[in-house]
All heavy atoms as atom14 arrays in JSON, in Angstrom:
{
  "sequence": "FLNQYIEPEINFEYKEIIHQGNRLAYFRLFTNNKRPYLFKKEYKDT",
  "atom14_mask": [
    [1, 1, 1, 1, 1, 1, 1, 1, 1, 1, 1, 0, 0, 0],
    [1, 1, 1, 1, 1, 1, 1, 1, 0, 0, 0, 0, 0, 0],
    [1, 1, 1, 1, 1, 1, 1, 1, 0, 0, 0, 0, 0, 0],
    [1, 1, 1, 1, 1, 1, 1, 1, 1, 0, 0, 0, 0, 0],
    [1, 1, 1, 1, 1, 1, 1, 1, 1, 1, 1, 1, 0, 0],
    [1, 1, 1, 1, 1, 1, 1, 1, 0, 0, 0, 0, 0, 0],
    [1, 1, 1, 1, 1, 1, 1, 1, 1, 0, 0, 0, 0, 0],
    [1, 1, 1, 1, 1, 1, 1, 0, 0, 0, 0, 0, 0, 0],
    [1, 1, 1, 1, 1, 1, 1, 1, 1, 0, 0, 0, 0, 0],
    [1, 1, 1, 1, 1, 1, 1, 1, 0, 0, 0, 0, 0, 0],
    [1, 1, 1, 1, 1, 1, 1, 1, 0, 0, 0, 0, 0, 0],
    [1, 1, 1, 1, 1, 1, 1, 1, 1, 1, 1, 0, 0, 0],
    [1, 1, 1, 1, 1, 1, 1, 1, 1, 0, 0, 0, 0, 0],
    [1, 1, 1, 1, 1, 1, 1, 1, 1, 1, 1, 1, 0, 0],
    [1, 1, 1, 1, 1, 1, 1, 1, 1, 0, 0, 0, 0, 0],
    [1, 1, 1, 1, 1, 1, 1, 1, 1, 0, 0, 0, 0, 0],
    [1, 1, 1, 1, 1, 1, 1, 1, 0, 0, 0, 0, 0, 0],
    [1, 1, 1, 1, 1, 1, 1, 1, 0, 0, 0, 0, 0, 0],
    [1, 1, 1, 1, 1, 1, 1, 1, 1, 1, 0, 0, 0, 0],
    [1, 1, 1, 1, 1, 1, 1, 1, 1, 0, 0, 0, 0, 0],
    [1, 1, 1, 1, 0, 0, 0, 0, 0, 0, 0, 0, 0, 0],
    [1, 1, 1, 1, 1, 1, 1, 1, 0, 0, 0, 0, 0, 0],
    [1, 1, 1, 1, 1, 1, 1, 1, 1, 1, 1, 0, 0, 0],
    [1, 1, 1, 1, 1, 1, 1, 1, 0, 0, 0, 0, 0, 0],
    [1, 1, 1, 1, 1, 0, 0, 0, 0, 0, 0, 0, 0, 0],
    [1, 1, 1, 1, 1, 1, 1, 1, 1, 1, 1, 1, 0, 0],
    [1, 1, 1, 1, 1, 1, 1, 1, 1, 1, 1, 0, 0, 0],
    [1, 1, 1, 1, 1, 1, 1, 1, 1, 1, 1, 0, 0, 0],
    [1, 1, 1, 1, 1, 1, 1, 1, 0, 0, 0, 0, 0, 0],
    [1, 1, 1, 1, 1, 1, 1, 1, 1, 1, 1, 0, 0, 0],
    [1, 1, 1, 1, 1, 1, 1, 0, 0, 0, 0, 0, 0, 0],
    [1, 1, 1, 1, 1, 1, 1, 1, 0, 0, 0, 0, 0, 0],
    [1, 1, 1, 1, 1, 1, 1, 1, 0, 0, 0, 0, 0, 0],
    [1, 1, 1, 1, 1, 1, 1, 1, 1, 0, 0, 0, 0, 0],
    [1, 1, 1, 1, 1, 1, 1, 1, 1, 1, 1, 0, 0, 0],
    [1, 1, 1, 1, 1, 1, 1, 0, 0, 0, 0, 0, 0, 0],
    [1, 1, 1, 1, 1, 1, 1, 1, 1, 1, 1, 1, 0, 0],
    [1, 1, 1, 1, 1, 1, 1, 1, 0, 0, 0, 0, 0, 0],
    [1, 1, 1, 1, 1, 1, 1, 1, 1, 1, 1, 0, 0, 0],
    [1, 1, 1, 1, 1, 1, 1, 1, 1, 0, 0, 0, 0, 0],
    [1, 1, 1, 1, 1, 1, 1, 1, 1, 0, 0, 0, 0, 0],
    [1, 1, 1, 1, 1, 1, 1, 1, 1, 0, 0, 0, 0, 0],
    [1, 1, 1, 1, 1, 1, 1, 1, 1, 1, 1, 1, 0, 0],
    [1, 1, 1, 1, 1, 1, 1, 1, 1, 0, 0, 0, 0, 0],
    [1, 1, 1, 1, 1, 1, 1, 1, 0, 0, 0, 0, 0, 0],
    [1, 1, 1, 1, 1, 1, 1, 0, 0, 0, 0, 0, 0, 0]
  ],
  "atom14_positions": [
    [[0.84, -1.2, 0.0], [0.0, 0.0, 0.0], [0.87, 1.26, 0.0], [0.61, 2.22, -0.74], [-0.91, -0.03, 1.23], [-1.83, 1.16, 1.35], [-2.66, 1.53, 0.3], [-1.86, 1.9, 2.51], [-3.51, 2.63, 0.41], [-2.7, 2.99, 2.64], [-3.53, 3.36, 1.59], [0.0, 0.0, 0.0], [0.0, 0.0, 0.0], [0.0, 0.0, 0.0]],
    [[1.94, 1.24, 0.79], [2.83, 2.38, 0.88], [3.54, 2.63, -0.46], [3.62, 3.76, -0.94], [3.86, 2.11, 1.98], [4.6, 3.3, 2.59], [3.63, 4.3, 3.2], [5.59, 2.82, 3.65], [0.0, 0.0, 0.0], [0.0, 0.0, 0.0], [0.0, 0.0, 0.0], [0.0, 0.0, 0.0], [0.0, 0.0, 0.0], [0.0, 0.0, 0.0]],
    [[4.02, 1.56, -1.08], [4.72, 1.69, -2.36], [3.81, 2.17, -3.48], [4.26, 2.75, -4.46], [5.35, 0.36, -2.76], [6.48, -0.05, -1.83], [6.95, 0.75, -1.03], [6.91, -1.29, -1.93], [0.0, 0.0, 0.0], [0.0, 0.0, 0.0], [0.0, 0.0, 0.0], [0.0, 0.0, 0.0], [0.0, 0.0, 0.0], [0.0, 0.0, 0.0]],
    [[2.52, 1.92, -3.32], [1.56, 2.32, -4.34], [1.42, 3.84, -4.42], [1.16, 4.39, -5.49], [0.19, 1.68, -4.03], [-0.87, 1.95, -5.07], [-2.2, 1.28, -4.71], [-2.28, 0.53, -3.72], [-3.23, 1.56, -5.47], [0.0, 0.0, 0.0], [0.0, 0.0, 0.0], [0.0, 0.0, 0.0], [0.0, 0.0, 0.0], [0.0, 0.0, 0.0]],
    [[1.65, 4.51, -3.28], [1.38, 5.95, -3.24], [2.6, 6.83, -2.96], [2.59, 8.01, -3.3], [0.31, 6.26, -2.18], [-1.08, 5.83, -2.6], [-1.59, 4.61, -2.22], [-1.86, 6.65, -3.42], [-2.85, 4.19, -2.62], [-3.12, 6.25, -3.84], [-3.62, 5.02, -3.43], [-4.88, 4.62, -3.85], [0.0, 0.0, 0.0], [0.0, 0.0, 0.0]],
    [[3.62, 6.29, -2.33], [4.75, 7.12, -1.91], [6.05, 6.61, -2.52], [6.28, 5.4, -2.6], [4.85, 7.15, -0.37], [3.63, 7.86, 0.22], [6.12, 7.86, 0.08], [3.6, 7.93, 1.72], [0.0, 0.0, 0.0], [0.0, 0.0, 0.0], [0.0, 0.0, 0.0], [0.0, 0.0, 0.0], [0.0, 0.0, 0.0], [0.0, 0.0, 0.0]],
    [[6.89, 7.53, -2.94], [8.22, 7.18, -3.43], [9.25, 8.16, -2.86], [8.89, 9.3, -2.51], [8.25, 7.19, -4.96], [7.98, 8.54, -5.6], [8.05, 8.49, -7.12], [8.27, 7.41, -7.68], [7.88, 9.57, -7.73], [0.0, 0.0, 0.0], [0.0, 0.0, 0.0], [0.0, 0.0, 0.0], [0.0, 0.0, 0.0], [0.0, 0.0, 0.0]],
    [[10.52, 7.73, -2.76], [11.02, 6.35, -2.97], [10.51, 5.42, -1.88], [9.78, 5.85, -0.98], [12.53, 6.53, -2.93], [12.75, 7.74, -2.08], [11.6, 8.66, -2.38], [0.0, 0.0, 0.0], [0.0, 0.0, 0.0], [0.0, 0.0, 0.0], [0.0, 0.0, 0.0], [0.0, 0.0, 0.0], [0.0, 0.0, 0.0], [0.0, 0.0, 0.0]],
    [[10.9, 4.16, -1.96], [10.4, 3.16, -1.02], [10.91, 3.45, 0.4], [12.08, 3.76, 0.61], [10.85, 1.76, -1.44], [10.33, 0.65, -0.55], [10.63, -0.72, -1.1], [10.51, -0.92, -2.33], [11.01, -1.61, -0.3], [0.0, 0.0, 0.0], [0.0, 0.0, 0.0], [0.0, 0.0, 0.0], [0.0, 0.0, 0.0], [0.0, 0.0, 0.0]],
    [[10.0, 3.35, 1.37], [10.33, 3.59, 2.78], [10.74, 2.27, 3.44], [10.03, 1.28, 3.34], [9.14, 4.22, 3.52], [8.85, 5.62, 2.95], [9.4, 4.3, 5.02], [7.62, 6.29, 3.55], [0.0, 0.0, 0.0], [0.0, 0.0, 0.0], [0.0, 0.0, 0.0], [0.0, 0.0, 0.0], [0.0, 0.0, 0.0], [0.0, 0.0, 0.0]],
    [[11.89, 2.28, 4.1], [12.36, 1.1, 4.81], [11.71, 1.03, 6.19], [11.82, 1.98, 6.98], [13.88, 1.13, 4.99], [14.62, 1.05, 3.68], [14.25, 0.29, 2.8], [15.66, 1.85, 3.54], [0.0, 0.0, 0.0], [0.0, 0.0, 0.0], [0.0, 0.0, 0.0], [0.0, 0.0, 0.0], [0.0, 0.0, 0.0], [0.0, 0.0, 0.0]],
    [[11.06, -0.09, 6.48], [10.46, -0.27, 7.81], [10.25, -1.75, 8.07], [10.32, -2.59, 7.17], [9.12, 0.47, 7.91], [7.98, -0.18, 7.17], [7.13, -1.06, 7.82], [7.76, 0.08, 5.83], [6.07, -1.68, 7.15], [6.72, -0.53, 5.14], [5.87, -1.41, 5.8], [0.0, 0.0, 0.0], [0.0, 0.0, 0.0], [0.0, 0.0, 0.0]],
    [[10.02, -2.07, 9.33], [9.6, -3.41, 9.7], [8.41, -3.29, 10.63], [8.26, -2.29, 11.35], [10.74, -4.17, 10.4], [11.19, -3.59, 11.73], [12.26, -4.43, 12.4], [12.71, -5.4, 11.77], [12.65, -4.11, 13.54], [0.0, 0.0, 0.0], [0.0, 0.0, 0.0], [0.0, 0.0, 0.0], [0.0, 0.0, 0.0], [0.0, 0.0, 0.0]],
    [[7.55, -4.3, 10.57], [6.35, -4.33, 11.43], [6.33, -5.67, 12.14], [6.22, -6.72, 11.48], [5.09, -4.14, 10.6], [3.82, -4.03, 11.43], [3.7, -3.06, 12.43], [2.75, -4.89, 11.23], [2.55, -2.94, 13.19], [1.59, -4.77, 11.98], [1.5, -3.81, 12.97], [0.36, -3.69, 13.73], [0.0, 0.0, 0.0], [0.0, 0.0, 0.0]],
    [[6.49, -5.65, 13.46], [6.58, -6.89, 14.22], [5.76, -6.81, 15.49], [5.45, -5.72, 15.99], [8.05, -7.19, 14.58], [8.93, -7.5, 13.39], [10.33, -7.89, 13.84], [11.2, -8.28, 12.66], [12.57, -8.66, 13.1], [0.0, 0.0, 0.0], [0.0, 0.0, 0.0], [0.0, 0.0, 0.0], [0.0, 0.0, 0.0], [0.0, 0.0, 0.0]],
    [[5.45, -7.97, 16.02], [4.71, -8.02, 17.29], [5.68, -8.13, 18.46], [6.84, -8.51, 18.31], [3.74, -9.2, 17.32], [4.4, -10.56, 17.5], [3.38, -11.65, 17.8], [2.27, -11.62, 17.24], [3.71, -12.53, 18.61], [0.0, 0.0, 0.0], [0.0, 0.0, 0.0], [0.0, 0.0, 0.0], [0.0, 0.0, 0.0], [0.0, 0.0, 0.0]],
    [[5.18, -7.77, 19.64], [5.95, -7.89, 20.87], [4.96, -8.17, 22.0], [3.87, -7.6, 22.03], [6.77, -6.62, 21.14], [7.58, -6.79, 22.43], [5.91, -5.39, 21.2], [8.53, -5.63, 22.7], [0.0, 0.0, 0.0], [0.0, 0.0, 0.0], [0.0, 0.0, 0.0], [0.0, 0.0, 0.0], [0.0, 0.0, 0.0], [0.0, 0.0, 0.0]],
    [[5.32, -9.06, 22.89], [4.5, -9.36, 24.06], [5.06, -8.62, 25.25], [6.22, -8.79, 25.61], [4.46, -10.88, 24.35], [4.01, -11.66, 23.12], [3.52, -11.16, 25.54], [2.62, -11.32, 22.63], [0.0, 0.0, 0.0], [0.0, 0.0, 0.0], [0.0, 0.0, 0.0], [0.0, 0.0, 0.0], [0.0, 0.0, 0.0], [0.0, 0.0, 0.0]],
    [[4.22, -7.76, 25.85], [4.66, -6.97, 27.0], [3.6, -7.03, 28.08], [2.44, -6.69, 27.85], [4.92, -5.52, 26.58], [5.35, -4.62, 27.7], [6.36, -4.95, 28.57], [4.88, -3.41, 28.11], [6.52, -3.99, 29.45], [5.63, -3.04, 29.2], [0.0, 0.0, 0.0], [0.0, 0.0, 0.0], [0.0, 0.0, 0.0], [0.0, 0.0, 0.0]],
    [[4.0, -7.52, 29.25], [3.08, -7.67, 30.39], [1.84, -8.47, 29.99], [0.73, -8.18, 30.42], [2.68, -6.3, 30.94], [3.85, -5.51, 31.5], [3.43, -4.16, 32.06], [2.26, -3.81, 32.07], [4.41, -3.39, 32.52], [0.0, 0.0, 0.0], [0.0, 0.0, 0.0], [0.0, 0.0, 0.0], [0.0, 0.0, 0.0], [0.0, 0.0, 0.0]],
    [[2.07, -9.48, 29.16], [0.97, -10.34, 28.73], [0.11, -9.76, 27.63], [-0.88, -10.39, 27.23], [0.0, 0.0, 0.0], [0.0, 0.0, 0.0], [0.0, 0.0, 0.0], [0.0, 0.0, 0.0], [0.0, 0.0, 0.0], [0.0, 0.0, 0.0], [0.0, 0.0, 0.0], [0.0, 0.0, 0.0], [0.0, 0.0, 0.0], [0.0, 0.0, 0.0]],
    [[0.47, -8.59, 27.11], [-0.3, -7.94, 26.06], [0.41, -8.07, 24.73], [1.62, -7.86, 24.63], [-0.48, -6.45, 26.38], [-1.24, -6.22, 27.67], [-2.45, -6.43, 27.74], [-0.52, -5.81, 28.71], [0.0, 0.0, 0.0], [0.0, 0.0, 0.0], [0.0, 0.0, 0.0], [0.0, 0.0, 0.0], [0.0, 0.0, 0.0], [0.0, 0.0, 0.0]],
    [[-0.38, -8.42, 23.7], [0.18, -8.52, 22.36], [0.13, -7.16, 21.71], [-0.94, -6.65, 21.37], [-0.63, -9.54, 21.54], [-0.01, -9.86, 20.18], [-0.91, -10.77, 19.39], [-0.25, -11.35, 18.23], [-0.89, -12.0, 17.27], [-2.2, -12.16, 17.34], [-0.22, -12.51, 16.25], [0.0, 0.0, 0.0], [0.0, 0.0, 0.0], [0.0, 0.0, 0.0]],
    [[1.31, -6.56, 21.53], [1.43, -5.24, 20.9], [2.18, -5.39, 19.58], [2.56, -6.5, 19.2], [2.19, -4.29, 21.83], [1.7, -4.22, 23.29], [2.6, -3.3, 24.1], [0.25, -3.76, 23.37], [0.0, 0.0, 0.0], [0.0, 0.0, 0.0], [0.0, 0.0, 0.0], [0.0, 0.0, 0.0], [0.0, 0.0, 0.0], [0.0, 0.0, 0.0]],
    [[2.41, -4.3, 18.9], [3.17, -4.33, 17.65], [3.89, -3.0, 17.5], [3.57, -2.01, 18.18], [2.27, -4.58, 16.45], [0.0, 0.0, 0.0], [0.0, 0.0, 0.0], [0.0, 0.0, 0.0], [0.0, 0.0, 0.0], [0.0, 0.0, 0.0], [0.0, 0.0, 0.0], [0.0, 0.0, 0.0], [0.0, 0.0, 0.0], [0.0, 0.0, 0.0]],
    [[4.88, -2.99, 16.61], [5.6, -1.74, 16.39], [6.08, -1.63, 14.94], [6.41, -2.62, 14.31], [6.8, -1.62, 17.33], [7.89, -2.64, 17.11], [8.93, -2.41, 16.21], [7.88, -3.86, 17.79], [9.93, -3.34, 15.99], [8.88, -4.8, 17.58], [9.89, -4.53, 16.68], [10.88, -5.49, 16.46], [0.0, 0.0, 0.0], [0.0, 0.0, 0.0]],
    [[6.05, -0.41, 14.45], [6.73, -0.06, 13.2], [8.08, 0.53, 13.58], [8.16, 1.44, 14.42], [5.94, 1.0, 12.41], [4.67, 0.5, 11.8], [3.47, 0.59, 12.49], [4.66, -0.06, 10.53], [2.29, 0.14, 11.92], [3.48, -0.5, 9.94], [2.29, -0.41, 10.64], [0.0, 0.0, 0.0], [0.0, 0.0, 0.0], [0.0, 0.0, 0.0]],
    [[9.13, 0.03, 12.96], [10.47, 0.64, 13.11], [10.9, 1.13, 11.74], [11.06, 0.34, 10.81], [11.48, -0.37, 13.65], [12.89, 0.23, 13.79], [13.84, -0.76, 14.44], [14.27, -1.8, 13.51], [15.42, -1.78, 12.83], [16.26, -0.76, 12.97], [15.74, -2.77, 12.02], [0.0, 0.0, 0.0], [0.0, 0.0, 0.0], [0.0, 0.0, 0.0]],
    [[11.07, 2.44, 11.6], [11.54, 3.03, 10.35], [13.04, 3.26, 10.48], [13.5, 3.84, 11.47], [10.84, 4.35, 10.06], [9.35, 4.26, 9.67], [8.46, 4.24, 10.9], [8.95, 5.42, 8.76], [0.0, 0.0, 0.0], [0.0, 0.0, 0.0], [0.0, 0.0, 0.0], [0.0, 0.0, 0.0], [0.0, 0.0, 0.0], [0.0, 0.0, 0.0]],
    [[13.81, 2.79, 9.51], [15.26, 2.85, 9.63], [15.89, 3.12, 8.26], [15.34, 2.79, 7.22], [15.8, 1.53, 10.19], [15.41, 0.32, 9.38], [16.17, -0.11, 8.31], [14.24, -0.37, 9.68], [15.8, -1.22, 7.57], [13.86, -1.48, 8.94], [14.64, -1.9, 7.87], [0.0, 0.0, 0.0], [0.0, 0.0, 0.0], [0.0, 0.0, 0.0]],
    [[17.06, 3.73, 8.27], [17.9, 3.95, 7.09], [17.11, 4.54, 5.93], [17.23, 4.1, 4.79], [18.57, 2.63, 6.65], [18.94, 1.85, 7.78], [19.84, 2.94, 5.85], [0.0, 0.0, 0.0], [0.0, 0.0, 0.0], [0.0, 0.0, 0.0], [0.0, 0.0, 0.0], [0.0, 0.0, 0.0], [0.0, 0.0, 0.0], [0.0, 0.0, 0.0]],
    [[16.29, 5.54, 6.23], [15.56, 6.23, 5.16], [16.31, 7.51, 4.79], [16.01, 8.6, 5.29], [14.13, 6.52, 5.6], [13.31, 5.25, 5.7], [13.11, 4.55, 4.7], [12.86, 4.91, 6.9], [0.0, 0.0, 0.0], [0.0, 0.0, 0.0], [0.0, 0.0, 0.0], [0.0, 0.0, 0.0], [0.0, 0.0, 0.0], [0.0, 0.0, 0.0]],
    [[17.3, 7.34, 3.9], [18.2, 8.44, 3.55], [17.95, 9.01, 2.16], [18.79, 9.76, 1.64], [19.65, 7.97, 3.64], [20.02, 7.52, 5.05], [19.65, 8.17, 6.02], [20.73, 6.4, 5.16], [0.0, 0.0, 0.0], [0.0, 0.0, 0.0], [0.0, 0.0, 0.0], [0.0, 0.0, 0.0], [0.0, 0.0, 0.0], [0.0, 0.0, 0.0]],
    [[16.8, 8.64, 1.56], [16.53, 9.12, 0.2], [15.43, 10.19, 0.21], [14.61, 10.26, -0.7], [16.12, 7.94, -0.69], [17.23, 6.91, -0.86], [16.82, 5.77, -1.77], [17.93, 4.76, -1.93], [17.55, 3.63, -2.81], [0.0, 0.0, 0.0], [0.0, 0.0, 0.0], [0.0, 0.0, 0.0], [0.0, 0.0, 0.0], [0.0, 0.0, 0.0]],
    [[15.42, 11.01, 1.24], [14.43, 12.07, 1.33], [14.59, 13.06, 0.16], [15.69, 13.22, -0.35], [14.61, 12.82, 2.67], [14.65, 11.91, 3.88], [14.9, 12.73, 5.15], [15.14, 11.86, 6.28], [16.35, 11.42, 6.65], [17.43, 11.8, 5.97], [16.49, 10.61, 7.68], [0.0, 0.0, 0.0], [0.0, 0.0, 0.0], [0.0, 0.0, 0.0]],
    [[13.5, 13.72, -0.25], [12.17, 13.71, 0.36], [11.31, 12.53, -0.11], [11.44, 12.09, -1.26], [11.57, 15.03, -0.12], [12.21, 15.26, -1.45], [13.62, 14.74, -1.32], [0.0, 0.0, 0.0], [0.0, 0.0, 0.0], [0.0, 0.0, 0.0], [0.0, 0.0, 0.0], [0.0, 0.0, 0.0], [0.0, 0.0, 0.0], [0.0, 0.0, 0.0]],
    [[10.45, 12.06, 0.78], [9.47, 11.02, 0.46], [8.15, 11.73, 0.17], [7.62, 12.45, 1.03], [9.33, 10.04, 1.62], [10.61, 9.25, 1.84], [11.61, 9.72, 2.67], [10.82, 8.04, 1.18], [12.79, 9.02, 2.86], [12.0, 7.33, 1.34], [12.98, 7.83, 2.19], [14.15, 7.11, 2.35], [0.0, 0.0, 0.0], [0.0, 0.0, 0.0]],
    [[7.62, 11.52, -1.04], [6.47, 12.28, -1.52], [5.41, 11.37, -2.14], [5.72, 10.25, -2.57], [6.92, 13.32, -2.56], [8.04, 14.28, -2.15], [8.5, 15.09, -3.36], [7.59, 15.2, -1.03], [0.0, 0.0, 0.0], [0.0, 0.0, 0.0], [0.0, 0.0, 0.0], [0.0, 0.0, 0.0], [0.0, 0.0, 0.0], [0.0, 0.0, 0.0]],
    [[4.2, 11.88, -2.2], [3.11, 11.14, -2.87], [3.35, 11.16, -4.38], [3.5, 12.23, -4.97], [1.76, 11.76, -2.54], [1.22, 11.33, -1.2], [1.71, 11.88, -0.02], [0.22, 10.37, -1.12], [1.23, 11.49, 1.2], [-0.28, 9.97, 0.12], [0.23, 10.53, 1.28], [0.0, 0.0, 0.0], [0.0, 0.0, 0.0], [0.0, 0.0, 0.0]],
    [[3.4, 9.99, -5.0], [3.62, 9.91, -6.44], [2.31, 9.83, -7.22], [2.31, 9.92, -8.45], [4.49, 8.7, -6.77], [3.88, 7.35, -6.43], [4.85, 6.24, -6.77], [4.29, 4.87, -6.43], [5.25, 3.78, -6.75], [0.0, 0.0, 0.0], [0.0, 0.0, 0.0], [0.0, 0.0, 0.0], [0.0, 0.0, 0.0], [0.0, 0.0, 0.0]],
    [[1.21, 9.64, -6.48], [-0.12, 9.66, -7.11], [-1.11, 10.19, -6.09], [-0.87, 10.14, -4.88], [-0.53, 8.27, -7.61], [-0.63, 7.22, -6.52], [-0.97, 5.85, -7.09], [-2.35, 5.79, -7.66], [-2.74, 4.4, -8.04], [0.0, 0.0, 0.0], [0.0, 0.0, 0.0], [0.0, 0.0, 0.0], [0.0, 0.0, 0.0], [0.0, 0.0, 0.0]],
    [[-2.2, 10.71, -6.58], [-3.2, 11.3, -5.69], [-3.88, 10.21, -4.86], [-4.18, 9.13, -5.36], [-4.25, 12.07, -6.49], [-5.28, 12.77, -5.62], [-6.29, 13.56, -6.43], [-6.19, 13.54, -7.69], [-7.17, 14.19, -5.83], [0.0, 0.0, 0.0], [0.0, 0.0, 0.0], [0.0, 0.0, 0.0], [0.0, 0.0, 0.0], [0.0, 0.0, 0.0]],
    [[-4.11, 10.53, -3.59], [-4.85, 9.62, -2.71], [-6.1, 10.35, -2.21], [-6.03, 11.5, -1.76], [-4.0, 9.18, -1.51], [-4.8, 8.35, -0.53], [-4.96, 6.99, -0.72], [-5.43, 8.95, 0.56], [-5.74, 6.23, 0.15], [-6.19, 8.2, 1.43], [-6.35, 6.85, 1.23], [-7.12, 6.1, 2.1], [0.0, 0.0, 0.0], [0.0, 0.0, 0.0]],
    [[-7.22, 9.65, -2.23], [-8.47, 10.21, -1.72], [-9.29, 9.1, -1.09], [-9.54, 8.08, -1.72], [-9.26, 10.88, -2.84], [-10.53, 11.59, -2.37], [-11.23, 12.31, -3.51], [-12.46, 13.05, -3.03], [-13.16, 13.75, -4.14], [0.0, 0.0, 0.0], [0.0, 0.0, 0.0], [0.0, 0.0, 0.0], [0.0, 0.0, 0.0], [0.0, 0.0, 0.0]],
    [[-9.71, 9.3, 0.16], [-10.56, 8.31, 0.82], [-11.93, 8.26, 0.16], [-12.42, 9.27, -0.37], [-10.74, 8.67, 2.31], [-9.52, 8.33, 3.14], [-8.89, 7.3, 2.85], [-9.21, 9.07, 4.09], [0.0, 0.0, 0.0], [0.0, 0.0, 0.0], [0.0, 0.0, 0.0], [0.0, 0.0, 0.0], [0.0, 0.0, 0.0], [0.0, 0.0, 0.0]],
    [[-12.52, 7.1, 0.19], [-13.84, 6.92, -0.4], [-14.93, 7.48, 0.49], [-16.04, 7.74, 0.03], [-14.11, 5.43, -0.65], [-13.98, 4.71, 0.58], [-13.11, 4.87, -1.67], [0.0, 0.0, 0.0], [0.0, 0.0, 0.0], [0.0, 0.0, 0.0], [0.0, 0.0, 0.0], [0.0, 0.0, 0.0], [0.0, 0.0, 0.0], [0.0, 0.0, 0.0]]
  ]
}
């Protein structure tokens, strides 16, 4: 979904983590040195 609308490609990972018995998740964005990251096509919610 991200690659469909934004360029260049954004480096990230999405993983789960268990904390105090709760299933959480996190996005980690790393090594994004090709700024600026911009919309390459128009996006509009339905």
